[in-house]
Amino acid sequence: MSEADIVTNLFTAIQTVLTIFSLFFAIVSGYVVALYLFLARAPLMLRLVAFGLLSAGLVFLGGTAAVVQRMQEGMFAAWRKLGSPYLDVTDLRNPLPTPLPLQQATGWSQQELGVAIGWGVAVLVYLVLAYMTFLYRWPMPSLDRSDMPRD
């Protein structure tokens, strides 16, 4: 595989990651709106169905993200095997010129930190949505409509 092929594949992987993030944001945002508007007061069965659909969508996105992550690792391994690449693989994994504090503590590259933070945020968002769906007690809407404009 040539250097140009690897670069093309890395850019394709980056585009895929951005698409996955966009879909994650859209799914989570839609679910939060649904929680606010009606799911918070919906019967348990409807909340279970909605959370099940959310879970299925996020599992699919997570599986796709894991595949893309493996493909990126393969591209980095192929990059290392090149005779004289124009950019060192360490520079590819660390695009910022200054090491991050967390990077110094863990010894991970910036790319590896980004992947770990991404997975951590995804799991945290999922747990928060589970809490908000099943445990959090949403305030009941006020029946006082005196602040509403009248026609």
N, C-alpha and C. Protein backbone atom coordinates (compact mmCIF):
# COMPACT_ATOMS: atom_id res chain seq x y z
N MET A 1 0.85 -1.17 0.00
CA MET A 1 0.00 0.00 0.00
C MET A 1 0.90 1.23 0.00
N SER A 2 0.59 2.19 -0.86
CA SER A 2 1.43 3.37 -0.97
C SER A 2 1.05 4.40 0.09
N GLU A 3 1.92 5.38 0.23
CA GLU A 3 1.69 6.45 1.19
C GLU A 3 0.41 7.22 0.86
N ALA A 4 0.17 7.45 -0.42
CA ALA A 4 -1.04 8.16 -0.85
C ALA A 4 -2.30 7.36 -0.50
N ASP A 5 -2.25 6.04 -0.66
CA ASP A 5 -3.39 5.19 -0.31
C ASP A 5 -3.67 5.26 1.19
N ILE A 6 -2.63 5.22 1.99
CA ILE A 6 -2.80 5.26 3.44
C ILE A 6 -3.38 6.60 3.87
N VAL A 7 -2.87 7.70 3.30
CA VAL A 7 -3.38 9.02 3.64
C VAL A 7 -4.85 9.13 3.26
N THR A 8 -5.20 8.65 2.08
CA THR A 8 -6.60 8.67 1.64
C THR A 8 -7.48 7.88 2.61
N ASN A 9 -7.02 6.71 3.00
CA ASN A 9 -7.79 5.88 3.93
C ASN A 9 -7.90 6.53 5.31
N LEU A 10 -6.84 7.20 5.76
CA LEU A 10 -6.91 7.89 7.05
C LEU A 10 -7.92 9.04 7.01
N PHE A 11 -7.94 9.80 5.90
CA PHE A 11 -8.93 10.87 5.78
C PHE A 11 -10.34 10.31 5.71
N THR A 12 -10.52 9.19 5.05
CA THR A 12 -11.83 8.54 5.00
C THR A 12 -12.26 8.10 6.40
N ALA A 13 -11.32 7.56 7.16
CA ALA A 13 -11.62 7.14 8.53
C ALA A 13 -12.00 8.35 9.40
N ILE A 14 -11.31 9.48 9.21
CA ILE A 14 -11.62 10.69 9.97
C ILE A 14 -13.02 11.18 9.62
N GLN A 15 -13.36 11.14 8.33
CA GLN A 15 -14.72 11.55 7.91
C GLN A 15 -15.77 10.63 8.52
N THR A 16 -15.48 9.36 8.59
CA THR A 16 -16.41 8.41 9.18
C THR A 16 -16.60 8.68 10.67
N VAL A 17 -15.50 8.99 11.37
CA VAL A 17 -15.59 9.31 12.80
C VAL A 17 -16.46 10.55 13.00
N LEU A 18 -16.28 11.56 12.15
CA LEU A 18 -17.10 12.77 12.27
C LEU A 18 -18.57 12.47 12.00
N THR A 19 -18.85 11.59 11.06
CA THR A 19 -20.23 11.19 10.78
C THR A 19 -20.82 10.46 11.98
N ILE A 20 -20.05 9.57 12.57
CA ILE A 20 -20.51 8.83 13.75
C ILE A 20 -20.81 9.80 14.89
N PHE A 21 -19.93 10.79 15.10
CA PHE A 21 -20.17 11.77 16.15
C PHE A 21 -21.43 12.58 15.87
N SER A 22 -21.63 12.96 14.62
CA SER A 22 -22.83 13.73 14.26
C SER A 22 -24.09 12.91 14.52
N LEU A 23 -24.06 11.64 14.15
CA LEU A 23 -25.22 10.79 14.40
C LEU A 23 -25.46 10.59 15.89
N PHE A 24 -24.39 10.41 16.65
CA PHE A 24 -24.49 10.27 18.11
C PHE A 24 -25.15 11.52 18.69
N PHE A 25 -24.68 12.70 18.27
CA PHE A 25 -25.22 13.96 18.77
C PHE A 25 -26.70 14.10 18.41
N ALA A 26 -27.07 13.73 17.18
CA ALA A 26 -28.46 13.84 16.74
C ALA A 26 -29.36 12.88 17.53
N ILE A 27 -28.92 11.65 17.71
CA ILE A 27 -29.72 10.66 18.44
C ILE A 27 -29.91 11.09 19.89
N VAL A 28 -28.82 11.49 20.53
CA VAL A 28 -28.90 11.89 21.95
C VAL A 28 -29.74 13.15 22.09
N SER A 29 -29.56 14.11 21.21
CA SER A 29 -30.35 15.35 21.28
C SER A 29 -31.84 15.06 21.12
N GLY A 30 -32.17 14.22 20.15
CA GLY A 30 -33.57 13.85 19.95
C GLY A 30 -34.14 13.14 21.17
N TYR A 31 -33.35 12.29 21.79
CA TYR A 31 -33.83 11.57 22.97
C TYR A 31 -34.03 12.53 24.14
N VAL A 32 -33.13 13.50 24.31
CA VAL A 32 -33.28 14.48 25.39
C VAL A 32 -34.55 15.30 25.18
N VAL A 33 -34.80 15.71 23.96
CA VAL A 33 -36.04 16.46 23.66
C VAL A 33 -37.25 15.59 23.97
N ALA A 34 -37.21 14.33 23.57
CA ALA A 34 -38.33 13.42 23.85
C ALA A 34 -38.52 13.25 25.36
N LEU A 35 -37.42 13.16 26.10
CA LEU A 35 -37.52 13.06 27.56
C LEU A 35 -38.21 14.30 28.12
N TYR A 36 -37.79 15.44 27.66
CA TYR A 36 -38.35 16.68 28.18
C TYR A 36 -39.81 16.85 27.82
N LEU A 37 -40.18 16.51 26.60
CA LEU A 37 -41.54 16.78 26.14
C LEU A 37 -42.56 15.74 26.59
N PHE A 38 -42.19 14.45 26.57
CA PHE A 38 -43.21 13.46 26.91
C PHE A 38 -42.69 12.19 27.56
N LEU A 39 -41.49 11.77 27.29
CA LEU A 39 -41.03 10.48 27.84
C LEU A 39 -40.91 10.50 29.35
N ALA A 40 -40.60 11.64 29.92
CA ALA A 40 -40.44 11.72 31.37
C ALA A 40 -41.71 11.33 32.11
N ARG A 41 -42.86 11.59 31.49
CA ARG A 41 -44.14 11.28 32.12
C ARG A 41 -44.83 10.08 31.47
N ALA A 42 -44.14 9.42 30.58
CA ALA A 42 -44.73 8.28 29.86
C ALA A 42 -44.76 7.04 30.75
N PRO A 43 -45.62 6.09 30.43
CA PRO A 43 -45.64 4.83 31.18
C PRO A 43 -44.30 4.08 31.03
N LEU A 44 -44.03 3.23 31.99
CA LEU A 44 -42.76 2.50 32.02
C LEU A 44 -42.52 1.73 30.72
N MET A 45 -43.53 1.09 30.18
CA MET A 45 -43.34 0.29 28.97
C MET A 45 -42.87 1.16 27.80
N LEU A 46 -43.44 2.35 27.66
CA LEU A 46 -43.01 3.25 26.58
C LEU A 46 -41.57 3.72 26.80
N ARG A 47 -41.22 3.99 28.06
CA ARG A 47 -39.84 4.39 28.34
C ARG A 47 -38.87 3.24 28.06
N LEU A 48 -39.28 2.01 28.37
CA LEU A 48 -38.44 0.85 28.06
C LEU A 48 -38.23 0.69 26.56
N VAL A 49 -39.30 0.84 25.81
CA VAL A 49 -39.20 0.73 24.35
C VAL A 49 -38.30 1.82 23.79
N ALA A 50 -38.51 3.06 24.24
CA ALA A 50 -37.69 4.18 23.75
C ALA A 50 -36.22 3.98 24.12
N PHE A 51 -35.96 3.56 25.35
CA PHE A 51 -34.57 3.36 25.77
C PHE A 51 -33.96 2.17 25.04
N GLY A 52 -34.76 1.16 24.76
CA GLY A 52 -34.27 0.02 23.97
C GLY A 52 -33.88 0.44 22.56
N LEU A 53 -34.70 1.29 21.94
CA LEU A 53 -34.36 1.78 20.60
C LEU A 53 -33.12 2.66 20.64
N LEU A 54 -33.02 3.51 21.66
CA LEU A 54 -31.81 4.32 21.84
C LEU A 54 -30.60 3.41 21.99
N SER A 55 -30.72 2.38 22.81
CA SER A 55 -29.61 1.45 23.05
C SER A 55 -29.19 0.75 21.77
N ALA A 56 -30.17 0.30 20.99
CA ALA A 56 -29.84 -0.38 19.73
C ALA A 56 -29.10 0.56 18.79
N GLY A 57 -29.56 1.80 18.68
CA GLY A 57 -28.88 2.77 17.83
C GLY A 57 -27.47 3.05 18.29
N LEU A 58 -27.29 3.20 19.60
CA LEU A 58 -25.95 3.50 20.12
C LEU A 58 -25.01 2.30 20.03
N VAL A 59 -25.56 1.09 20.19
CA VAL A 59 -24.73 -0.11 20.02
C VAL A 59 -24.25 -0.21 18.58
N PHE A 60 -25.13 0.08 17.63
CA PHE A 60 -24.74 0.05 16.22
C PHE A 60 -23.65 1.09 15.96
N LEU A 61 -23.83 2.31 16.46
CA LEU A 61 -22.80 3.34 16.28
C LEU A 61 -21.49 2.95 16.97
N GLY A 62 -21.60 2.37 18.15
CA GLY A 62 -20.39 1.93 18.86
C GLY A 62 -19.66 0.84 18.11
N GLY A 63 -20.40 -0.09 17.53
CA GLY A 63 -19.77 -1.14 16.72
C GLY A 63 -19.07 -0.57 15.51
N THR A 64 -19.73 0.39 14.87
CA THR A 64 -19.12 1.05 13.71
C THR A 64 -17.86 1.80 14.12
N ALA A 65 -17.93 2.49 15.25
CA ALA A 65 -16.77 3.23 15.75
C ALA A 65 -15.61 2.27 16.07
N ALA A 66 -15.92 1.11 16.63
CA ALA A 66 -14.88 0.13 16.95
C ALA A 66 -14.20 -0.39 15.68
N VAL A 67 -14.99 -0.63 14.64
CA VAL A 67 -14.43 -1.09 13.37
C VAL A 67 -13.52 -0.01 12.78
N VAL A 68 -13.98 1.24 12.79
CA VAL A 68 -13.17 2.33 12.26
C VAL A 68 -11.89 2.49 13.07
N GLN A 69 -12.00 2.32 14.38
CA GLN A 69 -10.82 2.41 15.25
C GLN A 69 -9.79 1.33 14.86
N ARG A 70 -10.25 0.13 14.63
CA ARG A 70 -9.34 -0.96 14.21
C ARG A 70 -8.71 -0.66 12.85
N MET A 71 -9.53 -0.09 11.95
CA MET A 71 -9.00 0.25 10.63
C MET A 71 -7.92 1.32 10.74
N GLN A 72 -8.14 2.30 11.61
CA GLN A 72 -7.13 3.33 11.81
C GLN A 72 -5.83 2.73 12.37
N GLU A 73 -5.96 1.82 13.28
CA GLU A 73 -4.77 1.16 13.84
C GLU A 73 -4.01 0.43 12.73
N GLY A 74 -4.76 -0.21 11.83
CA GLY A 74 -4.13 -0.88 10.69
C GLY A 74 -3.42 0.11 9.77
N MET A 75 -4.03 1.26 9.57
CA MET A 75 -3.39 2.30 8.73
C MET A 75 -2.11 2.83 9.39
N PHE A 76 -2.16 3.01 10.71
CA PHE A 76 -0.95 3.46 11.41
C PHE A 76 0.15 2.40 11.34
N ALA A 77 -0.24 1.13 11.45
CA ALA A 77 0.75 0.05 11.33
C ALA A 77 1.34 0.02 9.92
N ALA A 78 0.49 0.21 8.91
CA ALA A 78 0.99 0.24 7.53
C ALA A 78 1.89 1.46 7.31
N TRP A 79 1.57 2.58 7.94
CA TRP A 79 2.39 3.79 7.82
C TRP A 79 3.79 3.55 8.38
N ARG A 80 3.85 2.81 9.51
CA ARG A 80 5.16 2.51 10.13
C ARG A 80 6.05 1.69 9.20
N LYS A 81 5.44 0.87 8.34
CA LYS A 81 6.21 -0.01 7.46
C LYS A 81 6.73 0.69 6.21
N LEU A 82 6.28 1.93 5.99
CA LEU A 82 6.77 2.66 4.82
C LEU A 82 8.26 2.93 4.96
N GLY A 83 8.96 2.93 3.83
CA GLY A 83 10.41 3.15 3.85
C GLY A 83 10.81 4.50 4.40
N SER A 84 10.33 5.56 3.79
CA SER A 84 10.68 6.91 4.27
C SER A 84 9.47 7.81 4.10
N PRO A 85 8.51 7.73 5.04
CA PRO A 85 7.33 8.57 4.93
C PRO A 85 7.68 10.05 5.16
N TYR A 86 6.87 10.93 4.58
CA TYR A 86 7.14 12.36 4.74
C TYR A 86 6.79 12.85 6.14
N LEU A 87 6.05 12.06 6.91
CA LEU A 87 5.66 12.42 8.27
C LEU A 87 5.77 11.18 9.14
N ASP A 88 6.36 11.34 10.31
CA ASP A 88 6.52 10.23 11.24
C ASP A 88 5.16 9.85 11.83
N VAL A 89 4.94 8.57 12.10
CA VAL A 89 3.66 8.11 12.65
C VAL A 89 3.40 8.74 14.02
N THR A 90 4.43 9.07 14.77
CA THR A 90 4.27 9.74 16.06
C THR A 90 3.64 11.12 15.87
N ASP A 91 4.04 11.80 14.81
CA ASP A 91 3.45 13.11 14.51
C ASP A 91 2.00 12.98 14.07
N LEU A 92 1.66 11.88 13.40
CA LEU A 92 0.27 11.65 13.02
C LEU A 92 -0.61 11.43 14.25
N ARG A 93 -0.08 10.71 15.21
CA ARG A 93 -0.84 10.42 16.42
C ARG A 93 -0.86 11.58 17.41
N ASN A 94 0.03 12.54 17.23
CA ASN A 94 0.13 13.71 18.12
C ASN A 94 0.12 14.98 17.28
N PRO A 95 -1.06 15.39 16.79
CA PRO A 95 -1.10 16.54 15.88
C PRO A 95 -0.82 17.88 16.56
N LEU A 96 -1.06 17.98 17.87
CA LEU A 96 -0.77 19.23 18.57
C LEU A 96 0.71 19.30 18.91
N PRO A 97 1.32 20.48 18.78
CA PRO A 97 2.76 20.57 19.01
C PRO A 97 3.17 20.38 20.47
N THR A 98 2.26 20.65 21.40
CA THR A 98 2.58 20.55 22.83
C THR A 98 1.88 19.35 23.43
N PRO A 99 2.58 18.55 24.22
CA PRO A 99 1.92 17.42 24.89
C PRO A 99 0.86 17.91 25.87
N LEU A 100 -0.22 17.18 25.97
CA LEU A 100 -1.30 17.50 26.90
C LEU A 100 -0.96 16.97 28.29
N PRO A 101 -1.45 17.62 29.36
CA PRO A 101 -1.15 17.13 30.72
C PRO A 101 -1.57 15.68 30.94
N LEU A 102 -2.75 15.32 30.46
CA LEU A 102 -3.23 13.94 30.61
C LEU A 102 -2.36 12.97 29.82
N GLN A 103 -1.83 13.44 28.73
CA GLN A 103 -0.96 12.61 27.89
C GLN A 103 0.32 12.29 28.65
N GLN A 104 0.87 13.25 29.35
CA GLN A 104 2.09 13.02 30.11
C GLN A 104 1.85 12.04 31.25
N ALA A 105 0.65 12.10 31.85
CA ALA A 105 0.33 11.20 32.96
C ALA A 105 0.12 9.77 32.51
N THR A 106 -0.44 9.59 31.31
CA THR A 106 -0.78 8.23 30.86
C THR A 106 0.26 7.63 29.91
N GLY A 107 1.01 8.49 29.22
CA GLY A 107 1.94 8.00 28.22
C GLY A 107 1.28 7.66 26.89
N TRP A 108 0.02 8.04 26.74
CA TRP A 108 -0.71 7.77 25.51
C TRP A 108 -0.49 8.90 24.52
N SER A 109 -0.72 8.59 23.25
CA SER A 109 -0.67 9.63 22.22
C SER A 109 -1.95 10.46 22.29
N GLN A 110 -1.94 11.61 21.64
CA GLN A 110 -3.13 12.46 21.61
C GLN A 110 -4.28 11.73 20.92
N GLN A 111 -3.98 10.96 19.91
CA GLN A 111 -5.02 10.20 19.21
C GLN A 111 -5.62 9.15 20.15
N GLU A 112 -4.79 8.45 20.90
CA GLU A 112 -5.28 7.45 21.85
C GLU A 112 -6.10 8.10 22.96
N LEU A 113 -5.66 9.27 23.43
CA LEU A 113 -6.43 10.01 24.43
C LEU A 113 -7.80 10.40 23.88
N GLY A 114 -7.81 10.87 22.63
CA GLY A 114 -9.08 11.25 22.01
C GLY A 114 -10.04 10.08 21.92
N VAL A 115 -9.52 8.93 21.56
CA VAL A 115 -10.37 7.73 21.47
C VAL A 115 -10.90 7.36 22.86
N ALA A 116 -10.04 7.36 23.87
CA ALA A 116 -10.46 7.01 25.23
C ALA A 116 -11.49 8.01 25.77
N ILE A 117 -11.25 9.29 25.54
CA ILE A 117 -12.20 10.32 25.99
C ILE A 117 -13.53 10.16 25.26
N GLY A 118 -13.48 9.88 23.96
CA GLY A 118 -14.71 9.67 23.19
C GLY A 118 -15.54 8.52 23.73
N TRP A 119 -14.90 7.39 23.99
CA TRP A 119 -15.63 6.24 24.54
C TRP A 119 -16.15 6.55 25.95
N GLY A 120 -15.34 7.24 26.75
CA GLY A 120 -15.77 7.60 28.10
C GLY A 120 -16.98 8.51 28.10
N VAL A 121 -16.98 9.51 27.24
CA VAL A 121 -18.12 10.42 27.13
C VAL A 121 -19.35 9.67 26.66
N ALA A 122 -19.20 8.78 25.69
CA ALA A 122 -20.34 8.02 25.18
C ALA A 122 -20.97 7.17 26.30
N VAL A 123 -20.15 6.50 27.08
CA VAL A 123 -20.67 5.67 28.17
C VAL A 123 -21.33 6.55 29.23
N LEU A 124 -20.71 7.68 29.57
CA LEU A 124 -21.28 8.58 30.56
C LEU A 124 -22.63 9.14 30.10
N VAL A 125 -22.72 9.55 28.85
CA VAL A 125 -23.99 10.06 28.31
C VAL A 125 -25.06 8.97 28.38
N TYR A 126 -24.71 7.75 28.04
CA TYR A 126 -25.66 6.64 28.08
C TYR A 126 -26.17 6.42 29.51
N LEU A 127 -25.25 6.44 30.48
CA LEU A 127 -25.65 6.25 31.88
C LEU A 127 -26.52 7.40 32.38
N VAL A 128 -26.20 8.61 31.99
CA VAL A 128 -27.02 9.77 32.39
C VAL A 128 -28.41 9.66 31.79
N LEU A 129 -28.50 9.26 30.52
CA LEU A 129 -29.82 9.10 29.90
C LEU A 129 -30.62 7.98 30.57
N ALA A 130 -29.95 6.91 30.98
CA ALA A 130 -30.64 5.84 31.70
C ALA A 130 -31.18 6.37 33.03
N TYR A 131 -30.36 7.13 33.74
CA TYR A 131 -30.80 7.73 35.00
C TYR A 131 -31.99 8.67 34.77
N MET A 132 -31.89 9.53 33.76
CA MET A 132 -32.96 10.49 33.50
C MET A 132 -34.25 9.80 33.02
N THR A 133 -34.11 8.65 32.40
CA THR A 133 -35.28 7.93 31.90
C THR A 133 -36.00 7.17 33.01
N PHE A 134 -35.24 6.53 33.90
CA PHE A 134 -35.86 5.60 34.85
C PHE A 134 -35.82 6.04 36.31
N LEU A 135 -34.87 6.87 36.71
CA LEU A 135 -34.73 7.20 38.13
C LEU A 135 -35.05 8.65 38.48
N TYR A 136 -34.69 9.56 37.62
CA TYR A 136 -34.89 10.98 37.90
C TYR A 136 -36.38 11.30 37.96
N ARG A 137 -36.76 12.09 38.94
CA ARG A 137 -38.15 12.50 39.07
C ARG A 137 -38.30 13.91 38.50
N TRP A 138 -38.87 13.97 37.33
CA TRP A 138 -39.05 15.24 36.65
C TRP A 138 -40.13 16.05 37.36
N PRO A 139 -39.94 17.37 37.45
CA PRO A 139 -40.99 18.19 38.07
C PRO A 139 -42.25 18.17 37.19
N MET A 140 -43.37 18.20 37.85
CA MET A 140 -44.63 18.22 37.12
C MET A 140 -44.83 19.61 36.53
N PRO A 141 -45.38 19.69 35.33
CA PRO A 141 -45.60 21.00 34.73
C PRO A 141 -46.65 21.78 35.52
N SER A 142 -46.45 23.05 35.59
CA SER A 142 -47.38 23.92 36.30
C SER A 142 -48.67 24.08 35.51
N LEU A 143 -49.78 24.08 36.22
CA LEU A 143 -51.06 24.29 35.57
C LEU A 143 -51.41 25.76 35.50
N ASP A 144 -50.62 26.59 36.16
CA ASP A 144 -50.86 28.03 36.15
C ASP A 144 -50.42 28.59 34.80
N ARG A 145 -51.35 29.11 34.05
CA ARG A 145 -51.07 29.65 32.73
C ARG A 145 -51.19 31.17 32.71
N SER A 146 -51.05 31.81 33.86
CA SER A 146 -51.22 33.26 33.92
C SER A 146 -50.11 34.01 33.18
N ASP A 147 -48.98 33.35 33.01
CA ASP A 147 -47.88 34.01 32.31
C ASP A 147 -47.95 33.82 30.80
N MET A 148 -48.91 33.05 30.31
CA MET A 148 -49.06 32.82 28.88
C MET A 148 -49.79 33.99 28.25
N PRO A 149 -49.38 34.42 27.04
CA PRO A 149 -50.09 35.51 26.36
C PRO A 149 -51.50 35.06 25.95
N ARG A 150 -52.41 35.98 26.00
CA ARG A 150 -53.80 35.67 25.63
C ARG A 150 -54.10 36.33 24.29
N ASP A 151 -54.94 35.69 23.52
CA ASP A 151 -55.34 36.25 22.21
C ASP A 151 -56.44 37.26 22.35
